[in-house]
C-alpha atoms as a PDB file:
ATOM      1  CA  MET A   1      -0.051   0.038  -0.064  1.00  0.00           C
ATOM      2  CA  GLY A   2       2.753   2.114   0.627  1.00  0.00           C
ATOM      3  CA  VAL A   3       1.268   4.220   3.502  1.00  0.00           C
ATOM      4  CA  LYS A   4       3.145   5.396   6.532  1.00  0.00           C
ATOM      5  CA  ILE A   5       1.688   5.834  10.014  1.00  0.00           C
ATOM      6  CA  ILE A   6       3.148   8.821  12.182  1.00  0.00           C
ATOM      7  CA  THR A   7       2.231   9.134  15.717  1.00  0.00           C
ATOM      8  CA  TYR A   8       3.133  12.092  18.239  1.00  0.00           C
ATOM      9  CA  GLN A   9       2.131  12.162  21.878  1.00  0.00           C
ATOM     10  CA  SER A  10       2.301  15.445  23.809  1.00  0.00           C
ATOM     11  CA  ASP A  11       3.987  15.594  27.317  1.00  0.00           C
ATOM     12  CA  PRO A  12       1.489  16.125  30.175  1.00  0.00           C
ATOM     13  CA  GLU A  13       3.873  18.180  32.097  1.00  0.00           C
ATOM     14  CA  LYS A  14       3.923  20.843  29.660  1.00  0.00           C
ATOM     15  CA  ARG A  15       0.159  21.260  29.606  1.00  0.00           C
ATOM     16  CA  GLU A  16      -1.837  23.196  31.872  1.00  0.00           C
ATOM     17  CA  ASP A  17      -4.697  20.528  32.199  1.00  0.00           C
ATOM     18  CA  GLY A  18      -2.059  17.540  32.616  1.00  0.00           C
ATOM     19  CA  LYS A  19      -3.628  15.664  29.528  1.00  0.00           C
ATOM     20  CA  VAL A  20      -1.993  13.745  26.731  1.00  0.00           C
ATOM     21  CA  VAL A  21      -2.742  14.626  23.181  1.00  0.00           C
ATOM     22  CA  VAL A  22      -2.203  11.910  20.784  1.00  0.00           C
ATOM     23  CA  ILE A  23      -2.011  12.628  16.975  1.00  0.00           C
ATOM     24  CA  VAL A  24      -1.890   9.901  14.571  1.00  0.00           C
ATOM     25  CA  ALA A  25      -1.508  10.579  10.797  1.00  0.00           C
ATOM     26  CA  VAL A  26      -1.384   8.554   7.704  1.00  0.00           C
ATOM     27  CA  ASN A  27       0.821   9.455   4.967  1.00  0.00           C
ATOM     28  CA  GLN A  28       0.859   7.859   1.331  1.00  0.00           C
ATOM     29  CA  PRO A  29       3.591   8.961  -1.266  1.00  0.00           C
ATOM     30  CA  GLU A  30       2.441  11.656  -3.703  1.00  0.00           C
ATOM     31  CA  SER A  31       3.341  11.817  -7.246  1.00  0.00           C
ATOM     32  CA  ASP A  32       3.366  15.586  -7.292  1.00  0.00           C
ATOM     33  CA  PRO A  33       6.178  17.167  -5.428  1.00  0.00           C
ATOM     34  CA  GLU A  34       4.146  20.446  -5.084  1.00  0.00           C
ATOM     35  CA  GLU A  35       1.469  18.885  -3.406  1.00  0.00           C
ATOM     36  CA  ALA A  36       3.596  17.085  -1.213  1.00  0.00           C
ATOM     37  CA  LYS A  37       5.209  20.309   0.076  1.00  0.00           C
ATOM     38  CA  ARG A  38       1.818  21.920   0.467  1.00  0.00           C
ATOM     39  CA  LEU A  39       0.776  18.821   2.625  1.00  0.00           C
ATOM     40  CA  GLU A  40       3.872  18.859   4.681  1.00  0.00           C
ATOM     41  CA  GLU A  41       3.536  22.723   5.469  1.00  0.00           C
ATOM     42  CA  ARG A  42      -0.274  22.243   6.385  1.00  0.00           C
ATOM     43  CA  SER A  43       0.704  19.391   8.668  1.00  0.00           C
ATOM     44  CA  ARG A  44       3.096  21.377  10.423  1.00  0.00           C
ATOM     45  CA  LEU A  45       0.769  24.284  10.902  1.00  0.00           C
ATOM     46  CA  LEU A  46      -1.866  22.102  12.248  1.00  0.00           C
ATOM     47  CA  MET A  47       0.549  20.370  14.812  1.00  0.00           C
ATOM     48  CA  ASP A  48       1.875  24.033  15.840  1.00  0.00           C
ATOM     49  CA  HIS A  49      -1.845  25.125  16.510  1.00  0.00           C
ATOM     50  CA  MET A  50      -2.564  22.040  18.515  1.00  0.00           C
ATOM     51  CA  LEU A  51       0.326  22.222  20.502  1.00  0.00           C
ATOM     52  CA  ARG A  52       0.087  25.886  21.078  1.00  0.00           C
ATOM     53  CA  ARG A  53      -3.283  25.660  23.219  1.00  0.00           C
ATOM     54  CA  PRO A  54      -3.883  22.904  25.967  1.00  0.00           C
ATOM     55  CA  ASP A  55      -7.346  21.891  24.427  1.00  0.00           C
ATOM     56  CA  GLY A  56      -6.337  22.781  20.728  1.00  0.00           C
ATOM     57  CA  ILE A  57      -8.959  25.509  20.656  1.00  0.00           C
ATOM     58  CA  ASP A  58      -7.948  29.158  19.804  1.00  0.00           C
ATOM     59  CA  ARG A  59     -10.422  31.260  21.528  1.00  0.00           C
ATOM     60  CA  ASN A  60      -9.196  34.440  19.707  1.00  0.00           C
END
């Protein structure tokens, strides 16, 4: 199938609520390098957003 599963777990000691956030991503090879680059950047932005707030919700 060529898919790659990536997991990430937050450190509960770095969160105000002490909870663990687990992120599971499934990645498959892209034939278009530009599309792969766009998806990688979007993934990075989503991860940054989720790690910024303890509950993942931006209240601004």
